[in-house]
Amino acid sequence: MTSIVALGAVTVGINLASNQAEQRELGLTPGSASIIPVQQMEEIRLALEKHHGTLPHPASGGSIGNTANLLARAGIHCGFMGIGGNDTFGRIFVANCERASLVFLSKLEDGLVTGYDFYLYDEDGVRTIILTHGANALLSPAHIDLQAIQRADLVLIDGVALSFGSASETALSYCLQATEAANVPFVLALAGADIVEGYRDFFDTFAPKAQMVAGNLEQAAVLVGLEPEASLNEVKSALTKSPIDAVITLDAGGAYARFGNEEFLVPTQKIEAVDSTGAGDNFLAAFLVARMKGLSVRQALAVGNV
């Protein structure tokens, strides 16, 4: 039996040095972050290949994909489901799953383009992000493996997946209704504040039912009906009036958790970070591993902050 089943994006990312002039030539605004259609992304990729030759080897991405990969590497039996194309990027994603002993529960689909993104760094070190959802945009209830969901000990859901395509919210609702019917607990990873606000009904329905929600302070603030700039004290006060159990990362402030009437605040360990990308994904994986090994919430928060 797969102990944890994760549902998220099948996607890869490519880091590339690209000066501002080149980015503007491609129609990009240096320092921006954009989600673009597959066709436009493919045109940019071909242009970058023409300018740079063979592009760097991509790495698997996606927040919950990263978390699932780390869970598997930590020895937790974990499976991942999502939609990828049977193309070079899709096969790279699956190969990376196999190397981590992460079971890929879905099947790559012919004729689809796997989601991918570029992280373009200009001469000043400023990063421009462009991504396309690709095949992820086709997520629907038909892509949910109900048997895997209902046999799991825990289901891990990426809230970002709500924004993939027209049937994504229906697919996630279908998945979580199945977990509820089978009495399988689930963890709901929050998404950007715009997604949390844009899918208010979904979060209002499922966040109180989750074993916990996980996200940063801005995401948690919007979840409980506050402005994104709300302070931790304001979010804590709102959570006391809510049935939601939450784990919240606070960047340099550490991490906060509230389960029932108990709350915990653990400071972070000071380090010199070269790049904090993916820190939240790592934190969630470490927290879940610690909890599955029987550590208390406070101890698990400390492990996540290491």
Protein backbone atom coordinates (compact mmCIF):
# COMPACT_ATOMS: atom_id res chain seq x y z
CA MET A 1 0.00 0.00 0.00
CA THR A 2 1.19 3.52 -0.79
CA SER A 3 1.40 5.41 2.50
CA ILE A 4 1.08 8.86 0.93
CA VAL A 5 -0.51 9.79 -2.39
CA ALA A 6 0.27 13.27 -3.72
CA LEU A 7 -1.65 15.11 -6.44
CA GLY A 8 0.04 18.00 -8.19
CA ALA A 9 1.79 19.28 -11.29
CA VAL A 10 3.89 17.21 -13.65
CA THR A 11 6.41 19.88 -14.57
CA VAL A 12 10.11 20.56 -15.02
CA GLY A 13 12.16 23.72 -14.73
CA ILE A 14 15.18 25.06 -16.58
CA ASN A 15 17.61 27.64 -15.19
CA LEU A 16 19.27 29.76 -17.85
CA ALA A 17 21.37 32.92 -18.06
CA SER A 18 19.58 35.40 -20.32
CA ASN A 19 20.36 39.10 -20.53
CA GLN A 20 17.68 41.75 -20.48
CA ALA A 21 18.03 42.53 -24.17
CA GLU A 22 17.33 38.92 -25.09
CA GLN A 23 14.35 38.77 -22.75
CA ARG A 24 12.84 41.91 -24.26
CA GLU A 25 13.42 40.51 -27.74
CA LEU A 26 11.35 37.50 -26.65
CA GLY A 27 8.55 39.82 -25.49
CA LEU A 28 9.30 39.32 -21.80
CA THR A 29 9.56 41.88 -19.02
CA PRO A 30 12.75 41.30 -17.00
CA GLY A 31 11.98 40.47 -13.38
CA SER A 32 8.39 39.42 -14.07
CA ALA A 33 6.59 36.11 -13.53
CA SER A 34 4.13 34.95 -16.18
CA ILE A 35 1.93 31.98 -17.04
CA ILE A 36 1.65 31.67 -20.80
CA PRO A 37 -0.01 29.35 -23.34
CA VAL A 38 1.82 26.25 -24.55
CA GLN A 39 2.28 27.55 -28.11
CA GLN A 40 3.91 30.79 -26.94
CA MET A 41 6.13 28.86 -24.52
CA GLU A 42 7.25 26.49 -27.26
CA GLU A 43 8.13 29.45 -29.49
CA ILE A 44 10.24 30.95 -26.69
CA ARG A 45 11.93 27.61 -26.04
CA LEU A 46 12.88 27.23 -29.70
CA ALA A 47 14.21 30.80 -29.77
CA LEU A 48 16.31 30.16 -26.66
CA GLU A 49 17.66 26.96 -28.20
CA LYS A 50 18.61 28.94 -31.31
CA HIS A 51 20.40 31.57 -29.19
CA HIS A 52 22.05 29.24 -26.66
CA GLY A 53 22.30 25.84 -28.31
CA THR A 54 21.43 22.84 -26.17
CA LEU A 55 19.62 24.05 -23.06
CA PRO A 56 20.55 22.92 -19.52
CA HIS A 57 19.04 19.65 -18.34
CA PRO A 58 15.72 20.37 -16.62
CA ALA A 59 14.92 19.48 -13.02
CA SER A 60 11.56 18.23 -11.82
CA GLY A 61 9.44 20.95 -10.22
CA GLY A 62 6.06 21.71 -8.75
CA SER A 63 5.65 22.36 -5.03
CA ILE A 64 3.92 19.10 -4.12
CA GLY A 65 6.06 17.21 -6.62
CA ASN A 66 9.12 18.46 -4.75
CA THR A 67 7.59 17.51 -1.40
CA ALA A 68 6.64 14.03 -2.63
CA ASN A 69 10.14 13.51 -4.03
CA LEU A 70 11.67 14.37 -0.66
CA LEU A 71 9.21 12.15 1.20
CA ALA A 72 10.18 9.21 -1.00
CA ARG A 73 13.89 9.91 -0.54
CA ALA A 74 13.29 9.87 3.21
CA GLY A 75 11.97 6.31 2.95
CA ILE A 76 8.23 7.05 3.01
CA HIS A 77 6.30 4.92 0.51
CA CYS A 78 4.84 7.65 -1.66
CA GLY A 79 3.01 7.87 -4.97
CA PHE A 80 2.39 10.85 -7.23
CA MET A 81 -0.39 11.49 -9.73
CA GLY A 82 -0.67 14.22 -12.34
CA ILE A 83 -0.84 14.73 -16.09
CA GLY A 84 2.25 14.82 -18.27
CA GLY A 85 2.90 14.37 -21.95
CA ASN A 86 4.83 11.44 -23.35
CA ASP A 87 7.60 13.79 -24.43
CA THR A 88 11.17 14.48 -23.35
CA PHE A 89 10.18 16.58 -20.33
CA GLY A 90 7.54 14.09 -19.21
CA ARG A 91 9.98 11.20 -19.40
CA ILE A 92 12.56 13.20 -17.44
CA PHE A 93 9.96 13.85 -14.72
CA VAL A 94 9.11 10.14 -14.46
CA ALA A 95 12.80 9.15 -14.46
CA ASN A 96 13.42 11.56 -11.59
CA CYS A 97 10.51 9.98 -9.71
CA GLU A 98 12.05 6.55 -10.21
CA ARG A 99 15.44 7.71 -8.94
CA ALA A 100 13.76 8.95 -5.75
CA SER A 101 11.71 5.73 -5.37
CA LEU A 102 8.60 7.87 -5.89
CA VAL A 103 5.88 5.83 -7.61
CA PHE A 104 4.40 7.63 -10.61
CA LEU A 105 0.75 6.57 -10.47
CA SER A 106 -0.36 8.15 -13.74
CA LYS A 107 0.49 7.46 -17.38
CA LEU A 108 2.22 9.90 -19.69
CA GLU A 109 -0.14 10.79 -22.53
CA ASP A 110 0.80 10.87 -26.20
CA GLY A 111 0.34 14.13 -28.05
CA LEU A 112 0.47 16.38 -24.98
CA VAL A 113 3.17 18.85 -23.94
CA THR A 114 4.42 18.43 -20.40
CA GLY A 115 4.25 21.58 -18.28
CA TYR A 116 7.57 23.38 -17.87
CA ASP A 117 9.07 26.68 -16.83
CA PHE A 118 12.13 28.81 -17.39
CA TYR A 119 14.01 30.70 -14.71
CA LEU A 120 15.93 33.32 -16.66
CA TYR A 121 18.68 35.19 -14.81
CA ASP A 122 19.91 38.47 -16.27
CA GLU A 123 23.30 40.14 -15.94
CA ASP A 124 22.26 41.67 -12.59
CA GLY A 125 21.05 38.35 -11.19
CA VAL A 126 17.39 39.37 -11.51
CA ARG A 127 15.13 36.39 -12.19
CA THR A 128 12.34 36.26 -14.77
CA ILE A 129 9.94 33.32 -14.57
CA ILE A 130 7.78 32.02 -17.39
CA LEU A 131 5.76 28.84 -17.18
CA THR A 132 3.12 26.92 -19.02
CA HIS A 133 0.76 24.43 -17.41
CA GLY A 134 0.87 22.26 -20.51
CA ALA A 135 -0.83 18.90 -19.98
CA ASN A 136 -1.65 19.83 -16.39
CA ALA A 137 -4.44 22.06 -17.74
CA LEU A 138 -6.38 18.91 -18.68
CA LEU A 139 -6.68 17.65 -15.10
CA SER A 140 -10.18 16.22 -14.62
CA PRO A 141 -11.94 13.62 -12.45
CA ALA A 142 -11.06 10.98 -15.06
CA HIS A 143 -7.39 11.40 -14.12
CA ILE A 144 -7.93 10.65 -10.41
CA ASP A 145 -6.92 7.12 -9.39
CA LEU A 146 -9.64 6.43 -6.83
CA GLN A 147 -8.17 3.10 -5.73
CA ALA A 148 -4.83 4.70 -4.92
CA ILE A 149 -6.56 7.53 -3.07
CA GLN A 150 -8.78 5.26 -1.00
CA ARG A 151 -5.95 2.87 -0.07
CA ALA A 152 -3.60 5.60 1.10
CA ASP A 153 -2.79 6.50 4.69
CA LEU A 154 -2.62 10.18 3.73
CA VAL A 155 -3.40 12.24 0.64
CA LEU A 156 -1.42 15.39 -0.15
CA ILE A 157 -3.15 17.96 -2.38
CA ASP A 158 -1.54 20.92 -4.15
CA GLY A 159 -3.88 23.91 -4.00
CA VAL A 160 -2.11 25.40 -7.01
CA ALA A 161 -3.71 22.66 -9.11
CA LEU A 162 -7.04 24.46 -8.79
CA SER A 163 -5.82 26.97 -11.37
CA PHE A 164 -4.55 24.48 -13.97
CA GLY A 165 -7.64 24.26 -16.16
CA SER A 166 -11.40 24.41 -16.45
CA ALA A 167 -12.02 21.03 -14.78
CA SER A 168 -9.28 21.24 -12.15
CA GLU A 169 -11.51 22.35 -9.27
CA THR A 170 -13.97 19.57 -10.08
CA ALA A 171 -11.10 17.06 -10.11
CA LEU A 172 -9.76 18.15 -6.73
CA SER A 173 -13.24 18.17 -5.20
CA TYR A 174 -13.83 14.66 -6.58
CA CYS A 175 -10.53 13.51 -5.08
CA LEU A 176 -11.24 14.95 -1.65
CA GLN A 177 -14.79 13.63 -1.58
CA ALA A 178 -13.27 10.19 -2.19
CA THR A 179 -10.85 10.61 0.71
CA GLU A 180 -13.74 11.63 2.95
CA ALA A 181 -15.82 8.60 1.90
CA ALA A 182 -12.88 6.29 2.65
CA ASN A 183 -11.93 8.07 5.91
CA VAL A 184 -8.49 8.90 4.52
CA PRO A 185 -6.97 12.07 6.02
CA PHE A 186 -5.58 14.71 3.70
CA VAL A 187 -3.20 17.65 3.83
CA LEU A 188 -4.10 20.69 1.73
CA ALA A 189 -1.15 22.79 0.59
CA LEU A 190 -2.23 26.38 0.06
CA ALA A 191 -1.54 28.37 -3.09
CA GLY A 192 -0.88 32.02 -3.87
CA ALA A 193 -3.24 34.52 -2.28
CA ASP A 194 -4.97 35.12 -5.62
CA ILE A 195 -5.79 31.42 -5.97
CA VAL A 196 -6.98 31.09 -2.37
CA GLU A 197 -9.28 34.07 -2.88
CA GLY A 198 -10.35 33.00 -6.34
CA TYR A 199 -11.40 29.54 -5.17
CA ARG A 200 -12.96 30.65 -1.91
CA ASP A 201 -15.79 28.11 -1.97
CA PHE A 202 -13.35 25.22 -2.40
CA PHE A 203 -11.14 26.31 0.49
CA ASP A 204 -14.10 27.12 2.72
CA THR A 205 -15.42 23.61 2.08
CA PHE A 206 -12.27 21.53 2.40
CA ALA A 207 -9.80 23.45 4.60
CA PRO A 208 -11.81 22.71 7.80
CA LYS A 209 -11.90 19.01 6.86
CA ALA A 210 -8.15 18.73 6.25
CA GLN A 211 -5.83 17.11 8.75
CA MET A 212 -4.00 20.39 8.27
CA VAL A 213 -3.46 23.13 5.73
CA ALA A 214 0.09 24.24 4.99
CA GLY A 215 1.29 27.51 3.55
CA ASN A 216 2.96 30.83 4.23
CA LEU A 217 1.60 33.71 6.28
CA GLU A 218 0.12 35.61 3.32
CA GLN A 219 -1.72 32.53 2.07
CA ALA A 220 -3.01 31.70 5.54
CA ALA A 221 -4.19 35.28 6.04
CA VAL A 222 -6.33 35.18 2.91
CA LEU A 223 -7.62 31.73 3.86
CA VAL A 224 -9.09 33.08 7.11
CA GLY A 225 -10.57 36.15 5.43
CA LEU A 226 -7.87 38.73 6.15
CA GLU A 227 -5.80 40.93 3.89
CA PRO A 228 -2.57 39.36 2.58
CA GLU A 229 -0.53 41.82 4.67
CA ALA A 230 -2.11 40.69 7.97
CA SER A 231 0.24 40.05 10.88
CA LEU A 232 0.81 36.70 12.54
CA ASN A 233 -1.14 37.86 15.59
CA GLU A 234 -4.13 38.71 13.40
CA VAL A 235 -3.97 35.32 11.69
CA LYS A 236 -3.62 33.54 15.04
CA SER A 237 -6.68 35.35 16.34
CA ALA A 238 -8.70 34.37 13.27
CA LEU A 239 -7.62 30.73 13.57
CA THR A 240 -8.90 30.57 17.15
CA LYS A 241 -12.38 31.20 15.74
CA SER A 242 -11.93 28.66 12.95
CA PRO A 243 -12.02 24.84 12.79
CA ILE A 244 -8.92 24.89 10.57
CA ASP A 245 -5.68 23.26 11.75
CA ALA A 246 -2.71 24.93 10.10
CA VAL A 247 1.05 24.92 9.74
CA ILE A 248 2.38 28.30 8.60
CA THR A 249 5.91 29.12 7.51
CA LEU A 250 7.16 32.57 8.51
CA ASP A 251 10.37 32.95 6.51
CA ALA A 252 12.99 34.26 8.95
CA GLY A 253 10.39 34.16 11.72
CA GLY A 254 10.33 30.36 11.83
CA ALA A 255 7.09 28.39 11.74
CA TYR A 256 3.77 28.47 13.55
CA ALA A 257 1.19 25.72 13.96
CA ARG A 258 -2.25 25.49 15.49
CA PHE A 259 -3.96 22.16 16.10
CA GLY A 260 -7.22 22.36 18.01
CA ASN A 261 -6.62 24.58 21.03
CA GLU A 262 -2.85 24.12 20.99
CA GLU A 263 -0.47 26.46 19.25
CA PHE A 264 3.26 26.30 18.65
CA LEU A 265 5.84 28.81 17.45
CA VAL A 266 9.34 27.62 16.63
CA PRO A 267 12.10 30.03 15.54
CA THR A 268 14.14 29.32 12.46
CA GLN A 269 17.82 28.49 12.40
CA LYS A 270 19.84 31.30 10.87
CA ILE A 271 21.75 30.30 7.74
CA GLU A 272 23.14 32.06 4.70
CA ALA A 273 20.73 30.97 1.96
CA VAL A 274 21.99 31.04 -1.62
CA ASP A 275 18.46 30.51 -2.97
CA SER A 276 15.35 29.98 -0.85
CA THR A 277 13.30 28.57 -3.76
CA GLY A 278 11.54 25.42 -2.61
CA ALA A 279 12.14 26.05 1.08
CA GLY A 280 8.45 25.61 1.86
CA ASP A 281 8.35 22.32 -0.07
CA ASN A 282 11.30 21.03 1.95
CA PHE A 283 9.75 22.21 5.20
CA LEU A 284 6.48 20.40 4.55
CA ALA A 285 8.26 17.16 3.64
CA ALA A 286 10.40 17.25 6.78
CA PHE A 287 7.40 18.08 8.96
CA LEU A 288 5.36 15.19 7.56
CA VAL A 289 8.22 12.71 7.91
CA ALA A 290 8.74 13.76 11.52
CA ARG A 291 5.04 13.40 12.31
CA MET A 292 4.86 9.98 10.65
CA LYS A 293 7.79 8.88 12.82
CA GLY A 294 5.88 9.86 15.94
CA LEU A 295 7.40 13.23 16.80
CA SER A 296 5.23 15.89 18.42
CA VAL A 297 4.05 18.94 16.49
CA ARG A 298 6.64 21.13 18.20
CA GLN A 299 9.41 18.65 17.43
CA ALA A 300 8.24 18.32 13.82
CA LEU A 301 8.27 22.11 13.40
CA ALA A 302 11.86 22.13 14.64
CA VAL A 303 12.81 19.38 12.18
CA GLY A 304 11.19 21.30 9.34
CA ASN A 305 13.22 24.38 10.24
CA VAL A 306 16.55 22.56 10.09
